[in-house]
Amino acid sequence: STSIIYFAGGCFWGTEHFFKQVEGVTATEVGFA
């Protein structure tokens, strides 16, 4: 699906919180890739 993408941007705490704010983002999860 084109509806999932993974972003590594340093500490995942802040990156997750950032993307949670975006309208149209339906879910976030932190992990190791």
Full PDB file with SEQRES, HELIX, SHEET, SSBOND, CRYST1, ORIGX, SCALE, CONECT and MASTER records, all heavy atoms in Angstrom:
SEQRES   1 A   33  SER THR SER ILE ILE TYR PHE ALA GLY GLY CYS PHE TRP          
SEQRES   2 A   33  GLY THR GLU HIS PHE PHE LYS GLN VAL GLU GLY VAL THR          
SEQRES   3 A   33  ALA THR GLU VAL GLY PHE ALA                                  
HELIX    1 AA1 PHE A   12  LYS A   20  1                                   9    
CRYST1    1.000    1.000    1.000  90.00  90.00  90.00 P 1           1          
ORIGX1      1.000000  0.000000  0.000000        0.00000                         
ORIGX2      0.000000  1.000000  0.000000        0.00000                         
ORIGX3      0.000000  0.000000  1.000000        0.00000                         
SCALE1      1.000000  0.000000  0.000000        0.00000                         
SCALE2      0.000000  1.000000  0.000000        0.00000                         
SCALE3      0.000000  0.000000  1.000000        0.00000                         
ATOM      1  N   SER A   1       0.827  -1.204   0.000  1.00  0.00           N  
ATOM      2  CA  SER A   1       0.000   0.000   0.000  1.00  0.00           C  
ATOM      3  C   SER A   1       0.858   1.249   0.000  1.00  0.00           C  
ATOM      4  O   SER A   1       1.935   1.290   0.569  1.00  0.00           O  
ATOM      5  CB  SER A   1      -0.899   0.004   1.233  1.00  0.00           C  
ATOM      6  OG  SER A   1      -1.576   1.226   1.329  1.00  0.00           O  
ATOM      7  N   THR A   2       0.353   2.284  -0.653  1.00  0.00           N  
ATOM      8  CA  THR A   2       1.038   3.570  -0.612  1.00  0.00           C  
ATOM      9  C   THR A   2       0.676   4.339   0.653  1.00  0.00           C  
ATOM     10  O   THR A   2       1.075   5.475   0.819  1.00  0.00           O  
ATOM     11  CB  THR A   2       0.652   4.420  -1.839  1.00  0.00           C  
ATOM     12  OG1 THR A   2      -0.772   4.567  -1.877  1.00  0.00           O  
ATOM     13  CG2 THR A   2       1.127   3.771  -3.124  1.00  0.00           C  
ATOM     14  N   SER A   3      -0.088   3.725   1.548  1.00  0.00           N  
ATOM     15  CA  SER A   3      -0.553   4.452   2.723  1.00  0.00           C  
ATOM     16  C   SER A   3       0.282   4.191   3.968  1.00  0.00           C  
ATOM     17  O   SER A   3      -0.084   4.587   5.059  1.00  0.00           O  
ATOM     18  CB  SER A   3      -2.017   4.120   3.019  1.00  0.00           C  
ATOM     19  OG  SER A   3      -2.148   2.766   3.347  1.00  0.00           O  
ATOM     20  N   ILE A   4       1.413   3.515   3.824  1.00  0.00           N  
ATOM     21  CA  ILE A   4       2.327   3.311   4.946  1.00  0.00           C  
ATOM     22  C   ILE A   4       3.732   3.690   4.508  1.00  0.00           C  
ATOM     23  O   ILE A   4       4.184   3.303   3.433  1.00  0.00           O  
ATOM     24  CB  ILE A   4       2.330   1.849   5.426  1.00  0.00           C  
ATOM     25  CG1 ILE A   4       0.955   1.447   5.968  1.00  0.00           C  
ATOM     26  CG2 ILE A   4       3.382   1.636   6.507  1.00  0.00           C  
ATOM     27  CD1 ILE A   4       0.836  -0.019   6.347  1.00  0.00           C  
ATOM     28  N   ILE A   5       4.413   4.453   5.343  1.00  0.00           N  
ATOM     29  CA  ILE A   5       5.806   4.795   5.090  1.00  0.00           C  
ATOM     30  C   ILE A   5       6.507   4.878   6.438  1.00  0.00           C  
ATOM     31  O   ILE A   5       5.867   5.131   7.471  1.00  0.00           O  
ATOM     32  CB  ILE A   5       5.939   6.108   4.290  1.00  0.00           C  
ATOM     33  CG1 ILE A   5       7.354   6.262   3.746  1.00  0.00           C  
ATOM     34  CG2 ILE A   5       5.486   7.317   5.110  1.00  0.00           C  
ATOM     35  CD1 ILE A   5       7.471   7.216   2.581  1.00  0.00           C  
ATOM     36  N   TYR A   6       7.800   4.646   6.443  1.00  0.00           N  
ATOM     37  CA  TYR A   6       8.582   4.637   7.673  1.00  0.00           C  
ATOM     38  C   TYR A   6       9.621   5.749   7.617  1.00  0.00           C  
ATOM     39  O   TYR A   6      10.371   5.863   6.643  1.00  0.00           O  
ATOM     40  CB  TYR A   6       9.297   3.289   7.831  1.00  0.00           C  
ATOM     41  CG  TYR A   6       8.377   2.114   8.046  1.00  0.00           C  
ATOM     42  CD1 TYR A   6       7.636   1.574   6.992  1.00  0.00           C  
ATOM     43  CD2 TYR A   6       8.240   1.525   9.301  1.00  0.00           C  
ATOM     44  CE1 TYR A   6       6.796   0.486   7.187  1.00  0.00           C  
ATOM     45  CE2 TYR A   6       7.400   0.424   9.498  1.00  0.00           C  
ATOM     46  CZ  TYR A   6       6.686  -0.085   8.435  1.00  0.00           C  
ATOM     47  OH  TYR A   6       5.857  -1.168   8.624  1.00  0.00           O  
ATOM     48  N   PHE A   7       9.671   6.557   8.683  1.00  0.00           N  
ATOM     49  CA  PHE A   7      10.628   7.656   8.770  1.00  0.00           C  
ATOM     50  C   PHE A   7      11.568   7.449   9.955  1.00  0.00           C  
ATOM     51  O   PHE A   7      11.122   7.284  11.090  1.00  0.00           O  
ATOM     52  CB  PHE A   7       9.913   8.993   8.964  1.00  0.00           C  
ATOM     53  CG  PHE A   7       9.156   9.480   7.761  1.00  0.00           C  
ATOM     54  CD1 PHE A   7       7.770   9.542   7.788  1.00  0.00           C  
ATOM     55  CD2 PHE A   7       9.818   9.884   6.615  1.00  0.00           C  
ATOM     56  CE1 PHE A   7       7.056   9.997   6.693  1.00  0.00           C  
ATOM     57  CE2 PHE A   7       9.125  10.355   5.507  1.00  0.00           C  
ATOM     58  CZ  PHE A   7       7.735  10.411   5.545  1.00  0.00           C  
ATOM     59  N   ALA A   8      12.860   7.470   9.686  1.00  0.00           N  
ATOM     60  CA  ALA A   8      13.878   7.503  10.744  1.00  0.00           C  
ATOM     61  C   ALA A   8      14.431   8.920  10.789  1.00  0.00           C  
ATOM     62  O   ALA A   8      14.929   9.426   9.782  1.00  0.00           O  
ATOM     63  CB  ALA A   8      14.991   6.498  10.453  1.00  0.00           C  
ATOM     64  N   GLY A   9      14.336   9.541  11.972  1.00  0.00           N  
ATOM     65  CA  GLY A   9      14.738  10.944  12.057  1.00  0.00           C  
ATOM     66  C   GLY A   9      15.383  11.281  13.385  1.00  0.00           C  
ATOM     67  O   GLY A   9      15.124  12.335  13.948  1.00  0.00           O  
ATOM     68  N   GLY A  10      16.224  10.376  13.885  1.00  0.00           N  
ATOM     69  CA  GLY A  10      16.784  10.578  15.223  1.00  0.00           C  
ATOM     70  C   GLY A  10      15.890   9.903  16.247  1.00  0.00           C  
ATOM     71  O   GLY A  10      15.221   8.910  15.954  1.00  0.00           O  
ATOM     72  N   CYS A  11      15.847  10.442  17.445  1.00  0.00           N  
ATOM     73  CA  CYS A  11      15.026   9.862  18.510  1.00  0.00           C  
ATOM     74  C   CYS A  11      13.564   9.748  18.064  1.00  0.00           C  
ATOM     75  O   CYS A  11      12.960  10.743  17.641  1.00  0.00           O  
ATOM     76  CB  CYS A  11      15.131  10.725  19.762  1.00  0.00           C  
ATOM     77  SG  CYS A  11      14.114  10.138  21.126  1.00  0.00           S  
ATOM     78  N   PHE A  12      13.005   8.551  18.170  1.00  0.00           N  
ATOM     79  CA  PHE A  12      11.660   8.353  17.614  1.00  0.00           C  
ATOM     80  C   PHE A  12      10.553   8.959  18.450  1.00  0.00           C  
ATOM     81  O   PHE A  12       9.431   9.102  17.981  1.00  0.00           O  
ATOM     82  CB  PHE A  12      11.372   6.884  17.301  1.00  0.00           C  
ATOM     83  CG  PHE A  12      11.643   5.859  18.373  1.00  0.00           C  
ATOM     84  CD1 PHE A  12      11.743   6.172  19.721  1.00  0.00           C  
ATOM     85  CD2 PHE A  12      11.790   4.515  18.005  1.00  0.00           C  
ATOM     86  CE1 PHE A  12      11.983   5.196  20.687  1.00  0.00           C  
ATOM     87  CE2 PHE A  12      12.015   3.520  18.956  1.00  0.00           C  
ATOM     88  CZ  PHE A  12      12.110   3.864  20.300  1.00  0.00           C  
ATOM     89  N   TRP A  13      10.845   9.368  19.680  1.00  0.00           N  
ATOM     90  CA  TRP A  13       9.800   9.989  20.497  1.00  0.00           C  
ATOM     91  C   TRP A  13       9.254  11.257  19.836  1.00  0.00           C  
ATOM     92  O   TRP A  13       8.049  11.434  19.703  1.00  0.00           O  
ATOM     93  CB  TRP A  13      10.334  10.347  21.875  1.00  0.00           C  
ATOM     94  CG  TRP A  13      10.758   9.189  22.719  1.00  0.00           C  
ATOM     95  CD1 TRP A  13      10.380   7.877  22.579  1.00  0.00           C  
ATOM     96  CD2 TRP A  13      11.642   9.234  23.841  1.00  0.00           C  
ATOM     97  NE1 TRP A  13      10.976   7.102  23.547  1.00  0.00           N  
ATOM     98  CE2 TRP A  13      11.764   7.914  24.341  1.00  0.00           C  
ATOM     99  CE3 TRP A  13      12.344  10.257  24.468  1.00  0.00           C  
ATOM    100  CZ2 TRP A  13      12.564   7.597  25.436  1.00  0.00           C  
ATOM    101  CZ3 TRP A  13      13.132   9.952  25.568  1.00  0.00           C  
ATOM    102  CH2 TRP A  13      13.241   8.636  26.045  1.00  0.00           C  
ATOM    103  N   GLY A  14      10.157  12.147  19.475  1.00  0.00           N  
ATOM    104  CA  GLY A  14       9.743  13.415  18.877  1.00  0.00           C  
ATOM    105  C   GLY A  14       9.182  13.245  17.475  1.00  0.00           C  
ATOM    106  O   GLY A  14       8.208  13.909  17.097  1.00  0.00           O  
ATOM    107  N   THR A  15       9.792  12.366  16.688  1.00  0.00           N  
ATOM    108  CA  THR A  15       9.337  12.168  15.319  1.00  0.00           C  
ATOM    109  C   THR A  15       7.915  11.621  15.290  1.00  0.00           C  
ATOM    110  O   THR A  15       7.079  12.045  14.480  1.00  0.00           O  
ATOM    111  CB  THR A  15      10.291  11.221  14.571  1.00  0.00           C  
ATOM    112  OG1 THR A  15      11.624  11.747  14.641  1.00  0.00           O  
ATOM    113  CG2 THR A  15       9.892  11.082  13.108  1.00  0.00           C  
ATOM    114  N   GLU A  16       7.612  10.683  16.202  1.00  0.00           N  
ATOM    115  CA  GLU A  16       6.249  10.174  16.254  1.00  0.00           C  
ATOM    116  C   GLU A  16       5.267  11.280  16.636  1.00  0.00           C  
ATOM    117  O   GLU A  16       4.214  11.446  16.003  1.00  0.00           O  
ATOM    118  CB  GLU A  16       6.114   9.026  17.259  1.00  0.00           C  
ATOM    119  CG  GLU A  16       4.687   8.486  17.283  1.00  0.00           C  
ATOM    120  CD  GLU A  16       4.399   7.492  18.409  1.00  0.00           C  
ATOM    121  OE1 GLU A  16       4.998   7.623  19.492  1.00  0.00           O  
ATOM    122  OE2 GLU A  16       3.562   6.609  18.190  1.00  0.00           O  
ATOM    123  N   HIS A  17       5.586  12.039  17.670  1.00  0.00           N  
ATOM    124  CA  HIS A  17       4.675  13.090  18.128  1.00  0.00           C  
ATOM    125  C   HIS A  17       4.439  14.112  17.019  1.00  0.00           C  
ATOM    126  O   HIS A  17       3.315  14.608  16.852  1.00  0.00           O  
ATOM    127  CB  HIS A  17       5.248  13.773  19.371  1.00  0.00           C  
ATOM    128  CG  HIS A  17       4.272  14.661  20.062  1.00  0.00           C  
ATOM    129  ND1 HIS A  17       3.151  14.193  20.720  1.00  0.00           N  
ATOM    130  CD2 HIS A  17       4.239  16.019  20.189  1.00  0.00           C  
ATOM    131  CE1 HIS A  17       2.477  15.208  21.235  1.00  0.00           C  
ATOM    132  NE2 HIS A  17       3.111  16.332  20.918  1.00  0.00           N  
ATOM    133  N   PHE A  18       5.461  14.408  16.261  1.00  0.00           N  
ATOM    134  CA  PHE A  18       5.356  15.357  15.150  1.00  0.00           C  
ATOM    135  C   PHE A  18       4.348  14.865  14.117  1.00  0.00           C  
ATOM    136  O   PHE A  18       3.426  15.585  13.728  1.00  0.00           O  
ATOM    137  CB  PHE A  18       6.738  15.543  14.523  1.00  0.00           C  
ATOM    138  CG  PHE A  18       6.759  16.451  13.330  1.00  0.00           C  
ATOM    139  CD1 PHE A  18       6.771  17.826  13.485  1.00  0.00           C  
ATOM    140  CD2 PHE A  18       6.799  15.924  12.041  1.00  0.00           C  
ATOM    141  CE1 PHE A  18       6.801  18.668  12.377  1.00  0.00           C  
ATOM    142  CE2 PHE A  18       6.830  16.747  10.930  1.00  0.00           C  
ATOM    143  CZ  PHE A  18       6.833  18.122  11.101  1.00  0.00           C  
ATOM    144  N   PHE A  19       4.490  13.624  13.676  1.00  0.00           N  
ATOM    145  CA  PHE A  19       3.601  13.123  12.634  1.00  0.00           C  
ATOM    146  C   PHE A  19       2.187  12.862  13.144  1.00  0.00           C  
ATOM    147  O   PHE A  19       1.230  12.882  12.345  1.00  0.00           O  
ATOM    148  CB  PHE A  19       4.187  11.872  11.982  1.00  0.00           C  
ATOM    149  CG  PHE A  19       5.226  12.190  10.953  1.00  0.00           C  
ATOM    150  CD1 PHE A  19       6.568  11.948  11.213  1.00  0.00           C  
ATOM    151  CD2 PHE A  19       4.880  12.768   9.740  1.00  0.00           C  
ATOM    152  CE1 PHE A  19       7.536  12.269  10.266  1.00  0.00           C  
ATOM    153  CE2 PHE A  19       5.831  13.081   8.786  1.00  0.00           C  
ATOM    154  CZ  PHE A  19       7.165  12.826   9.054  1.00  0.00           C  
ATOM    155  N   LYS A  20       2.028  12.656  14.435  1.00  0.00           N  
ATOM    156  CA  LYS A  20       0.683  12.497  14.995  1.00  0.00           C  
ATOM    157  C   LYS A  20      -0.152  13.767  14.812  1.00  0.00           C  
ATOM    158  O   LYS A  20      -1.387  13.716  14.845  1.00  0.00           O  
ATOM    159  CB  LYS A  20       0.760  12.144  16.479  1.00  0.00           C  
ATOM    160  CG  LYS A  20       1.158  10.711  16.750  1.00  0.00           C  
ATOM    161  CD  LYS A  20       1.300  10.442  18.248  1.00  0.00           C  
ATOM    162  CE  LYS A  20      -0.036  10.330  18.923  1.00  0.00           C  
ATOM    163  NZ  LYS A  20      -0.760   9.102  18.531  1.00  0.00           N  
ATOM    164  N   GLN A  21       0.501  14.904  14.648  1.00  0.00           N  
ATOM    165  CA  GLN A  21      -0.217  16.167  14.520  1.00  0.00           C  
ATOM    166  C   GLN A  21      -0.829  16.364  13.132  1.00  0.00           C  
ATOM    167  O   GLN A  21      -1.720  17.195  12.951  1.00  0.00           O  
ATOM    168  CB  GLN A  21       0.734  17.350  14.793  1.00  0.00           C  
ATOM    169  CG  GLN A  21       1.555  17.259  16.057  1.00  0.00           C  
ATOM    170  CD  GLN A  21       0.721  16.997  17.283  1.00  0.00           C  
ATOM    171  OE1 GLN A  21      -0.273  17.670  17.542  1.00  0.00           O  
ATOM    172  NE2 GLN A  21       1.130  15.986  18.059  1.00  0.00           N  
ATOM    173  N   VAL A  22      -0.351  15.625  12.147  1.00  0.00           N  
ATOM    174  CA  VAL A  22      -0.711  15.899  10.750  1.00  0.00           C  
ATOM    175  C   VAL A  22      -2.092  15.332  10.431  1.00  0.00           C  
ATOM    176  O   VAL A  22      -2.349  14.136  10.612  1.00  0.00           O  
ATOM    177  CB  VAL A  22       0.333  15.298   9.796  1.00  0.00           C  
ATOM    178  CG1 VAL A  22      -0.037  15.624   8.341  1.00  0.00           C  
ATOM    179  CG2 VAL A  22       1.728  15.828  10.114  1.00  0.00           C  
ATOM    180  N   GLU A  23      -2.965  16.186   9.930  1.00  0.00           N  
ATOM    181  CA  GLU A  23      -4.277  15.722   9.510  1.00  0.00           C  
ATOM    182  C   GLU A  23      -4.126  14.781   8.325  1.00  0.00           C  
ATOM    183  O   GLU A  23      -3.422  15.083   7.361  1.00  0.00           O  
ATOM    184  CB  GLU A  23      -5.163  16.919   9.118  1.00  0.00           C  
ATOM    185  CG  GLU A  23      -6.552  16.519   8.746  1.00  0.00           C  
ATOM    186  CD  GLU A  23      -7.578  17.609   9.014  1.00  0.00           C  
ATOM    187  OE1 GLU A  23      -7.273  18.566   9.734  1.00  0.00           O  
ATOM    188  OE2 GLU A  23      -8.674  17.461   8.491  1.00  0.00           O  
ATOM    189  N   GLY A  24      -4.762  13.638   8.391  1.00  0.00           N  
ATOM    190  CA  GLY A  24      -4.626  12.637   7.340  1.00  0.00           C  
ATOM    191  C   GLY A  24      -3.735  11.488   7.741  1.00  0.00           C  
ATOM    192  O   GLY A  24      -3.771  10.425   7.118  1.00  0.00           O  
ATOM    193  N   VAL A  25      -2.920  11.686   8.787  1.00  0.00           N  
ATOM    194  CA  VAL A  25      -2.160  10.583   9.367  1.00  0.00           C  
ATOM    195  C   VAL A  25      -3.105   9.845  10.299  1.00  0.00           C  
ATOM    196  O   VAL A  25      -3.634  10.421  11.249  1.00  0.00           O  
ATOM    197  CB  VAL A  25      -0.909  11.075  10.118  1.00  0.00           C  
ATOM    198  CG1 VAL A  25      -0.288   9.958  10.949  1.00  0.00           C  
ATOM    199  CG2 VAL A  25       0.112  11.629   9.128  1.00  0.00           C  
ATOM    200  N   THR A  26      -3.327   8.570  10.032  1.00  0.00           N  
ATOM    201  CA  THR A  26      -4.335   7.815  10.773  1.00  0.00           C  
ATOM    202  C   THR A  26      -3.762   6.999  11.922  1.00  0.00           C  
ATOM    203  O   THR A  26      -4.488   6.610  12.831  1.00  0.00           O  
ATOM    204  CB  THR A  26      -5.112   6.882   9.831  1.00  0.00           C  
ATOM    205  OG1 THR A  26      -4.184   5.983   9.199  1.00  0.00           O  
ATOM    206  CG2 THR A  26      -5.836   7.685   8.762  1.00  0.00           C  
ATOM    207  N   ALA A  27      -2.451   6.721  11.882  1.00  0.00           N  
ATOM    208  CA  ALA A  27      -1.825   5.957  12.964  1.00  0.00           C  
ATOM    209  C   ALA A  27      -0.316   6.139  12.908  1.00  0.00           C  
ATOM    210  O   ALA A  27       0.263   6.349  11.841  1.00  0.00           O  
ATOM    211  CB  ALA A  27      -2.168   4.472  12.862  1.00  0.00           C  
ATOM    212  N   THR A  28       0.305   6.080  14.084  1.00  0.00           N  
ATOM    213  CA  THR A  28       1.762   6.093  14.173  1.00  0.00           C  
ATOM    214  C   THR A  28       2.201   5.001  15.141  1.00  0.00           C  
ATOM    215  O   THR A  28       1.439   4.603  16.022  1.00  0.00           O  
ATOM    216  CB  THR A  28       2.302   7.446  14.673  1.00  0.00           C  
ATOM    217  OG1 THR A  28       1.760   7.713  15.975  1.00  0.00           O  
ATOM    218  CG2 THR A  28       1.965   8.582  13.712  1.00  0.00           C  
ATOM    219  N   GLU A  29       3.430   4.564  14.957  1.00  0.00           N  
ATOM    220  CA  GLU A  29       3.993   3.548  15.846  1.00  0.00           C  
ATOM    221  C   GLU A  29       5.505   3.670  15.791  1.00  0.00           C  
ATOM    222  O   GLU A  29       6.069   3.923  14.725  1.00  0.00           O  
ATOM    223  CB  GLU A  29       3.568   2.160  15.384  1.00  0.00           C  
ATOM    224  CG  GLU A  29       4.114   1.015  16.224  1.00  0.00           C  
ATOM    225  CD  GLU A  29       3.683  -0.334  15.662  1.00  0.00           C  
ATOM    226  OE1 GLU A  29       2.528  -0.737  15.940  1.00  0.00           O  
ATOM    227  OE2 GLU A  29       4.484  -0.943  14.933  1.00  0.00           O  
ATOM    228  N   VAL A  30       6.177   3.505  16.925  1.00  0.00           N  
ATOM    229  CA  VAL A  30       7.638   3.567  16.922  1.00  0.00           C  
ATOM    230  C   VAL A  30       8.217   2.161  16.992  1.00  0.00           C  
ATOM    231  O   VAL A  30       7.657   1.267  17.633  1.00  0.00           O  
ATOM    232  CB  VAL A  30       8.185   4.439  18.076  1.00  0.00           C  
ATOM    233  CG1 VAL A  30       7.690   5.874  17.943  1.00  0.00           C  
ATOM    234  CG2 VAL A  30       7.830   3.872  19.438  1.00  0.00           C  
ATOM    235  N   GLY A  31       9.335   1.992  16.310  1.00  0.00           N  
ATOM    236  CA  GLY A  31       9.982   0.691  16.287  1.00  0.00           C  
ATOM    237  C   GLY A  31      11.393   0.780  15.742  1.00  0.00           C  
ATOM    238  O   GLY A  31      11.982   1.858  15.642  1.00  0.00           O  
ATOM    239  N   PHE A  32      11.921  -0.351  15.366  1.00  0.00           N  
ATOM    240  CA  PHE A  32      13.299  -0.465  14.899  1.00  0.00           C  
ATOM    241  C   PHE A  32      13.295  -1.052  13.495  1.00  0.00           C  
ATOM    242  O   PHE A  32      12.674  -2.098  13.250  1.00  0.00           O  
ATOM    243  CB  PHE A  32      14.097  -1.363  15.844  1.00  0.00           C  
ATOM    244  CG  PHE A  32      13.896  -1.007  17.298  1.00  0.00           C  
ATOM    245  CD1 PHE A  32      13.266  -1.883  18.169  1.00  0.00           C  
ATOM    246  CD2 PHE A  32      14.312   0.223  17.796  1.00  0.00           C  
ATOM    247  CE1 PHE A  32      13.070  -1.564  19.508  1.00  0.00           C  
ATOM    248  CE2 PHE A  32      14.114   0.562  19.134  1.00  0.00           C  
ATOM    249  CZ  PHE A  32      13.495  -0.338  19.988  1.00  0.00           C  
ATOM    250  N   ALA A  33      13.995  -0.406  12.575  1.00  0.00           N  
ATOM    251  CA  ALA A  33      13.923  -0.795  11.167  1.00  0.00           C  
ATOM    252  C   ALA A  33      15.272  -1.145  10.574  1.00  0.00           C  
ATOM    253  O   ALA A  33      16.295  -0.542  10.908  1.00  0.00           O  
ATOM    254  CB  ALA A  33      13.287   0.332  10.338  1.00  0.00           C  
TER     255      ALA A  33                                                      
MASTER        0    0    0    1    0    0    0    6  254    1    0    3          
END                                                                             
